[in-house]
Amino acid sequence: MTETTICKNCNIETASEYCPNCGQRTSIHKVTFSETFQDVINGMFSLDAPLWMTLKTLVVNPGKLFRDFLSGKRKTYYKPVSFFILTTIVFVLTKSLLNYDPMQNIAQVQHDSVNAKLLNSAGVYMAKNINNIIFSFVFAFALMLKVFFYKSYSLAEYLAVSFYVVGFYTLITTIYMIGLKFANPEYKSLPFLLMFVYVVYALISFFQKRNLTAILKMILVYIFAMVLYIIIGYGISFLIVWLKSV
């Protein structure tokens, strides 16, 4: 007798390697690093991918998206790595078209010492090349999720969640950048506040925990991830600026 299995995406019973109903591979297991980065190669920007469903669910119920994807519903949503890269490309193109300078209207402090100049230049470099450095925030956020919620999922699974969260943040930043360009440029720190609110909201939706201890851990995830991201990003920026000055 032919062995049958249940498709984790649409719950149809099948004996095939691929589900005849939705086309998803039936041998779906836990999220792994190899599978996550394989998304970059396999159909990264497929127009058939349900992008709008992904965006809608990230707004309305992000936790459902995370749980569905990690449980095996890989055809239902846009892949996390692809989503992150797509939003980053949109950010870069928008920034280029608007000719947006994140350092505009910010007074540059003059430093006399070489070290002080390097430190200041590293900060400027990080601000202007945030689209290249934001990748480090993905790993920082996933690592902090594993530290504070280590029993729930693996690091690779948290990395998939992190790609979704940071990709959505990049999209928010892109929209807000348009507002800063044509409206009031004084509130540059607002995206960080919006990100903080969204992270707590998304993690409450994901873990389905509303007690004080869980919410405190979610807040610490964001704070420590942001600190780690700044350390890594600033370190990379300083190294690049230093190498250019040698």
C-alpha atoms as a PDB file:
ATOM      1  CA  MET A   1       0.000   0.000   0.000  1.00  0.00           C
ATOM      2  CA  THR A   2       1.144   3.517  -0.789  1.00  0.00           C
ATOM      3  CA  GLU A   3       1.950   5.570   2.278  1.00  0.00           C
ATOM      4  CA  THR A   4      -0.057   8.774   2.547  1.00  0.00           C
ATOM      5  CA  THR A   5       0.615  11.978   4.428  1.00  0.00           C
ATOM      6  CA  ILE A   6      -1.242  15.193   5.279  1.00  0.00           C
ATOM      7  CA  CYS A   7      -0.157  18.436   3.606  1.00  0.00           C
ATOM      8  CA  LYS A   8       0.740  20.891   6.379  1.00  0.00           C
ATOM      9  CA  ASN A   9      -0.311  23.834   4.221  1.00  0.00           C
ATOM     10  CA  CYS A  10      -3.880  22.882   3.219  1.00  0.00           C
ATOM     11  CA  ASN A  11      -4.521  19.650   5.217  1.00  0.00           C
ATOM     12  CA  ILE A  12      -5.209  17.551   2.103  1.00  0.00           C
ATOM     13  CA  GLU A  13      -4.281  13.859   2.268  1.00  0.00           C
ATOM     14  CA  THR A  14      -1.885  12.831  -0.491  1.00  0.00           C
ATOM     15  CA  ALA A  15       0.577  10.104  -1.408  1.00  0.00           C
ATOM     16  CA  SER A  16       2.656  12.372  -3.664  1.00  0.00           C
ATOM     17  CA  GLU A  17       5.899  14.206  -2.975  1.00  0.00           C
ATOM     18  CA  TYR A  18       4.040  17.441  -3.706  1.00  0.00           C
ATOM     19  CA  CYS A  19       0.492  18.297  -2.661  1.00  0.00           C
ATOM     20  CA  PRO A  20      -1.891  18.087  -5.683  1.00  0.00           C
ATOM     21  CA  ASN A  21      -4.021  20.855  -4.158  1.00  0.00           C
ATOM     22  CA  CYS A  22      -1.518  23.624  -3.328  1.00  0.00           C
ATOM     23  CA  GLY A  23       1.764  22.334  -4.757  1.00  0.00           C
ATOM     24  CA  GLN A  24       3.730  22.456  -1.494  1.00  0.00           C
ATOM     25  CA  ARG A  25       6.341  19.773  -0.806  1.00  0.00           C
ATOM     26  CA  THR A  26       4.868  17.221   1.610  1.00  0.00           C
ATOM     27  CA  SER A  27       8.126  16.479   3.422  1.00  0.00           C
ATOM     28  CA  ILE A  28       8.034  19.667   5.498  1.00  0.00           C
ATOM     29  CA  HIS A  29       9.743  19.634   8.882  1.00  0.00           C
ATOM     30  CA  LYS A  30      11.060  22.253  11.283  1.00  0.00           C
ATOM     31  CA  VAL A  31      12.601  25.437   9.878  1.00  0.00           C
ATOM     32  CA  THR A  32      16.359  25.037   9.386  1.00  0.00           C
ATOM     33  CA  PHE A  33      19.153  27.429   8.412  1.00  0.00           C
ATOM     34  CA  SER A  34      19.642  25.676   5.058  1.00  0.00           C
ATOM     35  CA  GLU A  35      15.942  25.951   4.196  1.00  0.00           C
ATOM     36  CA  THR A  36      15.808  29.612   5.237  1.00  0.00           C
ATOM     37  CA  PHE A  37      18.667  30.660   2.996  1.00  0.00           C
ATOM     38  CA  GLN A  38      17.535  28.363   0.197  1.00  0.00           C
ATOM     39  CA  ASP A  39      14.614  30.812  -0.141  1.00  0.00           C
ATOM     40  CA  VAL A  40      17.081  33.292  -1.637  1.00  0.00           C
ATOM     41  CA  ILE A  41      17.751  30.933  -4.531  1.00  0.00           C
ATOM     42  CA  ASN A  42      14.338  29.341  -5.034  1.00  0.00           C
ATOM     43  CA  GLY A  43      11.824  31.818  -6.381  1.00  0.00           C
ATOM     44  CA  MET A  44      12.940  34.847  -4.398  1.00  0.00           C
ATOM     45  CA  PHE A  45      10.693  37.322  -6.159  1.00  0.00           C
ATOM     46  CA  SER A  46       7.975  35.107  -7.579  1.00  0.00           C
ATOM     47  CA  LEU A  47       4.938  37.153  -8.554  1.00  0.00           C
ATOM     48  CA  ASP A  48       2.767  34.209  -7.542  1.00  0.00           C
ATOM     49  CA  ALA A  49       3.875  34.559  -3.921  1.00  0.00           C
ATOM     50  CA  PRO A  50       1.028  35.811  -1.691  1.00  0.00           C
ATOM     51  CA  LEU A  51       2.644  39.132  -0.808  1.00  0.00           C
ATOM     52  CA  TRP A  52      -0.575  40.951  -0.009  1.00  0.00           C
ATOM     53  CA  MET A  53      -1.736  38.167   2.292  1.00  0.00           C
ATOM     54  CA  THR A  54       1.610  38.370   4.061  1.00  0.00           C
ATOM     55  CA  LEU A  55       1.396  42.145   4.520  1.00  0.00           C
ATOM     56  CA  LYS A  56      -2.198  41.971   5.723  1.00  0.00           C
ATOM     57  CA  THR A  57      -1.445  39.248   8.269  1.00  0.00           C
ATOM     58  CA  LEU A  58       1.678  41.047   9.507  1.00  0.00           C
ATOM     59  CA  VAL A  59      -0.578  43.979  10.368  1.00  0.00           C
ATOM     60  CA  VAL A  60      -3.707  42.228  11.611  1.00  0.00           C
ATOM     61  CA  ASN A  61      -2.302  39.075  13.232  1.00  0.00           C
ATOM     62  CA  PRO A  62       1.488  38.676  12.880  1.00  0.00           C
ATOM     63  CA  GLY A  63       1.603  35.834  15.395  1.00  0.00           C
ATOM     64  CA  LYS A  64      -0.665  33.713  13.194  1.00  0.00           C
ATOM     65  CA  LEU A  65       1.686  34.209  10.255  1.00  0.00           C
ATOM     66  CA  PHE A  66       4.710  33.184  12.343  1.00  0.00           C
ATOM     67  CA  ARG A  67       3.008  30.106  13.778  1.00  0.00           C
ATOM     68  CA  ASP A  68       1.555  29.058  10.403  1.00  0.00           C
ATOM     69  CA  PHE A  69       4.896  29.349   8.638  1.00  0.00           C
ATOM     70  CA  LEU A  70       6.800  27.507  11.346  1.00  0.00           C
ATOM     71  CA  SER A  71       4.183  24.753  11.440  1.00  0.00           C
ATOM     72  CA  GLY A  72       4.604  24.045   7.721  1.00  0.00           C
ATOM     73  CA  LYS A  73       2.357  26.440   5.775  1.00  0.00           C
ATOM     74  CA  ARG A  74       5.148  27.622   3.491  1.00  0.00           C
ATOM     75  CA  LYS A  75       2.975  28.254   0.397  1.00  0.00           C
ATOM     76  CA  THR A  76       0.470  30.444   2.194  1.00  0.00           C
ATOM     77  CA  TYR A  77       2.824  33.371   2.810  1.00  0.00           C
ATOM     78  CA  TYR A  78       5.716  35.175   1.178  1.00  0.00           C
ATOM     79  CA  LYS A  79       9.001  33.600   2.293  1.00  0.00           C
ATOM     80  CA  PRO A  80      10.747  35.496   5.156  1.00  0.00           C
ATOM     81  CA  VAL A  81      14.145  36.027   3.503  1.00  0.00           C
ATOM     82  CA  SER A  82      12.505  37.057   0.250  1.00  0.00           C
ATOM     83  CA  PHE A  83      10.213  39.450   2.120  1.00  0.00           C
ATOM     84  CA  PHE A  84      13.155  41.050   3.913  1.00  0.00           C
ATOM     85  CA  ILE A  85      15.179  41.485   0.707  1.00  0.00           C
ATOM     86  CA  LEU A  86      12.172  42.819  -1.193  1.00  0.00           C
ATOM     87  CA  THR A  87      11.415  45.474   1.462  1.00  0.00           C
ATOM     88  CA  THR A  88      15.093  46.421   1.581  1.00  0.00           C
ATOM     89  CA  ILE A  89      15.149  46.924  -2.193  1.00  0.00           C
ATOM     90  CA  VAL A  90      11.999  49.076  -1.961  1.00  0.00           C
ATOM     91  CA  PHE A  91      13.703  51.121   0.769  1.00  0.00           C
ATOM     92  CA  VAL A  92      16.874  51.612  -1.288  1.00  0.00           C
ATOM     93  CA  LEU A  93      14.973  52.587  -4.447  1.00  0.00           C
ATOM     94  CA  THR A  94      12.731  55.020  -2.545  1.00  0.00           C
ATOM     95  CA  LYS A  95      15.714  56.552  -0.783  1.00  0.00           C
ATOM     96  CA  SER A  96      17.496  56.981  -4.110  1.00  0.00           C
ATOM     97  CA  LEU A  97      14.467  58.465  -5.902  1.00  0.00           C
ATOM     98  CA  LEU A  98      13.839  60.922  -3.068  1.00  0.00           C
ATOM     99  CA  ASN A  99      17.544  61.691  -2.751  1.00  0.00           C
ATOM    100  CA  TYR A 100      16.961  61.375   0.972  1.00  0.00           C
ATOM    101  CA  ASP A 101      19.853  62.185   3.291  1.00  0.00           C
ATOM    102  CA  PRO A 102      19.307  60.952   6.892  1.00  0.00           C
ATOM    103  CA  MET A 103      21.911  63.461   8.115  1.00  0.00           C
ATOM    104  CA  GLN A 104      20.161  66.499   6.677  1.00  0.00           C
ATOM    105  CA  ASN A 105      19.262  69.228   9.157  1.00  0.00           C
ATOM    106  CA  ILE A 106      21.658  67.666  11.681  1.00  0.00           C
ATOM    107  CA  ALA A 107      24.580  69.825  12.667  1.00  0.00           C
ATOM    108  CA  GLN A 108      27.939  68.151  12.190  1.00  0.00           C
ATOM    109  CA  VAL A 109      30.254  68.439  15.181  1.00  0.00           C
ATOM    110  CA  GLN A 110      33.825  69.349  14.350  1.00  0.00           C
ATOM    111  CA  HIS A 111      36.504  67.269  16.064  1.00  0.00           C
ATOM    112  CA  ASP A 112      40.195  67.969  16.264  1.00  0.00           C
ATOM    113  CA  SER A 113      41.581  64.554  17.178  1.00  0.00           C
ATOM    114  CA  VAL A 114      41.885  61.776  14.610  1.00  0.00           C
ATOM    115  CA  ASN A 115      40.034  59.253  16.812  1.00  0.00           C
ATOM    116  CA  ALA A 116      37.121  61.633  17.377  1.00  0.00           C
ATOM    117  CA  LYS A 117      36.846  62.234  13.645  1.00  0.00           C
ATOM    118  CA  LEU A 118      36.806  58.494  12.989  1.00  0.00           C
ATOM    119  CA  LEU A 119      34.071  57.958  15.573  1.00  0.00           C
ATOM    120  CA  ASN A 120      31.961  60.745  14.091  1.00  0.00           C
ATOM    121  CA  SER A 121      32.556  59.488  10.540  1.00  0.00           C
ATOM    122  CA  ALA A 122      31.532  55.971  11.597  1.00  0.00           C
ATOM    123  CA  GLY A 123      28.223  57.311  12.927  1.00  0.00           C
ATOM    124  CA  VAL A 124      27.576  59.199   9.704  1.00  0.00           C
ATOM    125  CA  TYR A 125      28.471  56.130   7.624  1.00  0.00           C
ATOM    126  CA  MET A 126      26.092  53.925   9.616  1.00  0.00           C
ATOM    127  CA  ALA A 127      23.210  56.397   9.193  1.00  0.00           C
ATOM    128  CA  LYS A 128      23.751  56.742   5.448  1.00  0.00           C
ATOM    129  CA  ASN A 129      24.206  53.008   4.825  1.00  0.00           C
ATOM    130  CA  ILE A 130      21.514  51.709   7.130  1.00  0.00           C
ATOM    131  CA  ASN A 131      20.099  49.483   4.379  1.00  0.00           C
ATOM    132  CA  ASN A 132      23.342  47.483   4.363  1.00  0.00           C
ATOM    133  CA  ILE A 133      23.728  47.304   8.138  1.00  0.00           C
ATOM    134  CA  ILE A 134      20.092  46.523   9.036  1.00  0.00           C
ATOM    135  CA  PHE A 135      20.874  42.898   8.185  1.00  0.00           C
ATOM    136  CA  SER A 136      22.725  42.666  11.529  1.00  0.00           C
ATOM    137  CA  PHE A 137      19.510  43.589  13.347  1.00  0.00           C
ATOM    138  CA  VAL A 138      17.865  40.442  11.951  1.00  0.00           C
ATOM    139  CA  PHE A 139      20.443  38.262  13.701  1.00  0.00           C
ATOM    140  CA  ALA A 140      20.466  40.392  16.854  1.00  0.00           C
ATOM    141  CA  PHE A 141      16.675  40.130  17.174  1.00  0.00           C
ATOM    142  CA  ALA A 142      16.644  36.367  16.515  1.00  0.00           C
ATOM    143  CA  LEU A 143      19.418  35.832  19.066  1.00  0.00           C
ATOM    144  CA  MET A 144      17.573  37.792  21.756  1.00  0.00           C
ATOM    145  CA  LEU A 145      14.381  35.837  21.053  1.00  0.00           C
ATOM    146  CA  LYS A 146      16.322  32.635  21.606  1.00  0.00           C
ATOM    147  CA  VAL A 147      17.870  33.990  24.817  1.00  0.00           C
ATOM    148  CA  PHE A 148      14.585  35.083  26.394  1.00  0.00           C
ATOM    149  CA  PHE A 149      12.281  32.415  24.893  1.00  0.00           C
ATOM    150  CA  TYR A 150      14.767  29.583  24.412  1.00  0.00           C
ATOM    151  CA  LYS A 151      12.308  26.729  25.056  1.00  0.00           C
ATOM    152  CA  SER A 152       9.718  27.700  22.457  1.00  0.00           C
ATOM    153  CA  TYR A 153      11.572  27.527  19.109  1.00  0.00           C
ATOM    154  CA  SER A 154      15.009  26.986  17.613  1.00  0.00           C
ATOM    155  CA  LEU A 155      17.359  29.800  16.600  1.00  0.00           C
ATOM    156  CA  ALA A 156      16.703  29.066  12.913  1.00  0.00           C
ATOM    157  CA  GLU A 157      12.949  29.397  13.479  1.00  0.00           C
ATOM    158  CA  TYR A 158      13.437  32.674  15.342  1.00  0.00           C
ATOM    159  CA  LEU A 159      15.588  33.848  12.441  1.00  0.00           C
ATOM    160  CA  ALA A 160      12.646  33.314  10.079  1.00  0.00           C
ATOM    161  CA  VAL A 161      10.412  35.351  12.412  1.00  0.00           C
ATOM    162  CA  SER A 162      13.091  38.046  12.612  1.00  0.00           C
ATOM    163  CA  PHE A 163      13.254  38.390   8.821  1.00  0.00           C
ATOM    164  CA  TYR A 164       9.509  39.066   8.801  1.00  0.00           C
ATOM    165  CA  VAL A 165       9.625  41.577  11.668  1.00  0.00           C
ATOM    166  CA  VAL A 166      12.631  43.543  10.406  1.00  0.00           C
ATOM    167  CA  GLY A 167      11.280  43.445   6.843  1.00  0.00           C
ATOM    168  CA  PHE A 168       8.028  44.966   8.052  1.00  0.00           C
ATOM    169  CA  TYR A 169       9.979  47.590  10.006  1.00  0.00           C
ATOM    170  CA  THR A 170      11.924  48.436   6.834  1.00  0.00           C
ATOM    171  CA  LEU A 171       8.611  48.946   5.035  1.00  0.00           C
ATOM    172  CA  ILE A 172       7.364  51.241   7.815  1.00  0.00           C
ATOM    173  CA  THR A 173      10.623  53.198   7.629  1.00  0.00           C
ATOM    174  CA  THR A 174      10.243  53.557   3.861  1.00  0.00           C
ATOM    175  CA  ILE A 175       6.748  55.015   4.214  1.00  0.00           C
ATOM    176  CA  TYR A 176       7.881  57.285   7.030  1.00  0.00           C
ATOM    177  CA  MET A 177      10.888  58.427   4.990  1.00  0.00           C
ATOM    178  CA  ILE A 178       8.493  59.804   2.381  1.00  0.00           C
ATOM    179  CA  GLY A 179       6.719  61.719   5.129  1.00  0.00           C
ATOM    180  CA  LEU A 180       9.992  63.129   6.450  1.00  0.00           C
ATOM    181  CA  LYS A 181      10.991  64.228   2.960  1.00  0.00           C
ATOM    182  CA  PHE A 182       7.811  66.136   2.199  1.00  0.00           C
ATOM    183  CA  ALA A 183       6.507  66.961   5.668  1.00  0.00           C
ATOM    184  CA  ASN A 184       8.032  67.712   9.063  1.00  0.00           C
ATOM    185  CA  PRO A 185      11.616  66.363   9.318  1.00  0.00           C
ATOM    186  CA  GLU A 186      11.877  66.833  13.100  1.00  0.00           C
ATOM    187  CA  TYR A 187      10.594  63.448  14.248  1.00  0.00           C
ATOM    188  CA  LYS A 188      13.362  61.163  12.996  1.00  0.00           C
ATOM    189  CA  SER A 189      13.200  58.881  16.033  1.00  0.00           C
ATOM    190  CA  LEU A 190       9.519  58.006  15.561  1.00  0.00           C
ATOM    191  CA  PRO A 191      10.210  54.804  13.531  1.00  0.00           C
ATOM    192  CA  PHE A 192      12.115  53.384  16.533  1.00  0.00           C
ATOM    193  CA  LEU A 193       9.086  54.030  18.747  1.00  0.00           C
ATOM    194  CA  LEU A 194       6.770  52.469  16.164  1.00  0.00           C
ATOM    195  CA  MET A 195       9.110  49.486  15.918  1.00  0.00           C
ATOM    196  CA  PHE A 196       9.062  49.059  19.691  1.00  0.00           C
ATOM    197  CA  VAL A 197       5.254  49.067  19.774  1.00  0.00           C
ATOM    198  CA  TYR A 198       5.026  46.682  16.818  1.00  0.00           C
ATOM    199  CA  VAL A 199       7.578  44.239  18.268  1.00  0.00           C
ATOM    200  CA  VAL A 200       5.676  43.944  21.556  1.00  0.00           C
ATOM    201  CA  TYR A 201       2.372  43.623  19.671  1.00  0.00           C
ATOM    202  CA  ALA A 202       3.784  40.986  17.293  1.00  0.00           C
ATOM    203  CA  LEU A 203       5.395  38.930  20.068  1.00  0.00           C
ATOM    204  CA  ILE A 204       2.219  38.974  22.178  1.00  0.00           C
ATOM    205  CA  SER A 205       0.383  37.717  19.088  1.00  0.00           C
ATOM    206  CA  PHE A 206       3.107  35.122  18.435  1.00  0.00           C
ATOM    207  CA  PHE A 207       3.520  33.624  21.909  1.00  0.00           C
ATOM    208  CA  GLN A 208      -0.090  34.359  22.935  1.00  0.00           C
ATOM    209  CA  LYS A 209       1.041  35.459  26.371  1.00  0.00           C
ATOM    210  CA  ARG A 210      -0.229  38.626  28.045  1.00  0.00           C
ATOM    211  CA  ASN A 211       1.130  38.256  31.574  1.00  0.00           C
ATOM    212  CA  LEU A 212       3.493  40.885  32.973  1.00  0.00           C
ATOM    213  CA  THR A 213       6.558  38.621  32.978  1.00  0.00           C
ATOM    214  CA  ALA A 214       6.155  37.676  29.308  1.00  0.00           C
ATOM    215  CA  ILE A 215       5.575  41.288  28.225  1.00  0.00           C
ATOM    216  CA  LEU A 216       8.640  42.410  30.191  1.00  0.00           C
ATOM    217  CA  LYS A 217      10.721  39.759  28.409  1.00  0.00           C
ATOM    218  CA  MET A 218       9.377  40.981  25.048  1.00  0.00           C
ATOM    219  CA  ILE A 219      10.400  44.538  25.888  1.00  0.00           C
ATOM    220  CA  LEU A 220      13.862  43.336  26.894  1.00  0.00           C
ATOM    221  CA  VAL A 221      14.128  41.424  23.608  1.00  0.00           C
ATOM    222  CA  TYR A 222      13.696  44.681  21.700  1.00  0.00           C
ATOM    223  CA  ILE A 223      16.021  46.720  23.942  1.00  0.00           C
ATOM    224  CA  PHE A 224      18.870  44.198  23.963  1.00  0.00           C
ATOM    225  CA  ALA A 225      18.459  43.464  20.244  1.00  0.00           C
ATOM    226  CA  MET A 226      18.659  47.182  19.468  1.00  0.00           C
ATOM    227  CA  VAL A 227      21.750  47.625  21.666  1.00  0.00           C
ATOM    228  CA  LEU A 228      23.453  44.622  20.060  1.00  0.00           C
ATOM    229  CA  TYR A 229      22.504  45.889  16.605  1.00  0.00           C
ATOM    230  CA  ILE A 230      23.987  49.340  17.317  1.00  0.00           C
ATOM    231  CA  ILE A 231      27.200  47.765  18.657  1.00  0.00           C
ATOM    232  CA  ILE A 232      27.572  45.497  15.619  1.00  0.00           C
ATOM    233  CA  GLY A 233      26.489  48.131  13.105  1.00  0.00           C
ATOM    234  CA  TYR A 234      28.678  50.841  14.569  1.00  0.00           C
ATOM    235  CA  GLY A 235      31.593  48.415  14.812  1.00  0.00           C
ATOM    236  CA  ILE A 236      31.262  47.486  11.139  1.00  0.00           C
ATOM    237  CA  SER A 237      30.963  51.165  10.173  1.00  0.00           C
ATOM    238  CA  PHE A 238      34.011  52.125  12.224  1.00  0.00           C
ATOM    239  CA  LEU A 239      36.056  49.313  10.659  1.00  0.00           C
ATOM    240  CA  ILE A 240      35.101  50.394   7.128  1.00  0.00           C
ATOM    241  CA  VAL A 241      35.833  54.074   7.833  1.00  0.00           C
ATOM    242  CA  TRP A 242      39.124  53.191   9.492  1.00  0.00           C
ATOM    243  CA  LEU A 243      40.215  50.979   6.573  1.00  0.00           C
ATOM    244  CA  LYS A 244      39.419  53.796   4.147  1.00  0.00           C
ATOM    245  CA  SER A 245      41.514  56.232   6.164  1.00  0.00           C
ATOM    246  CA  VAL A 246      44.574  53.980   6.315  1.00  0.00           C
END
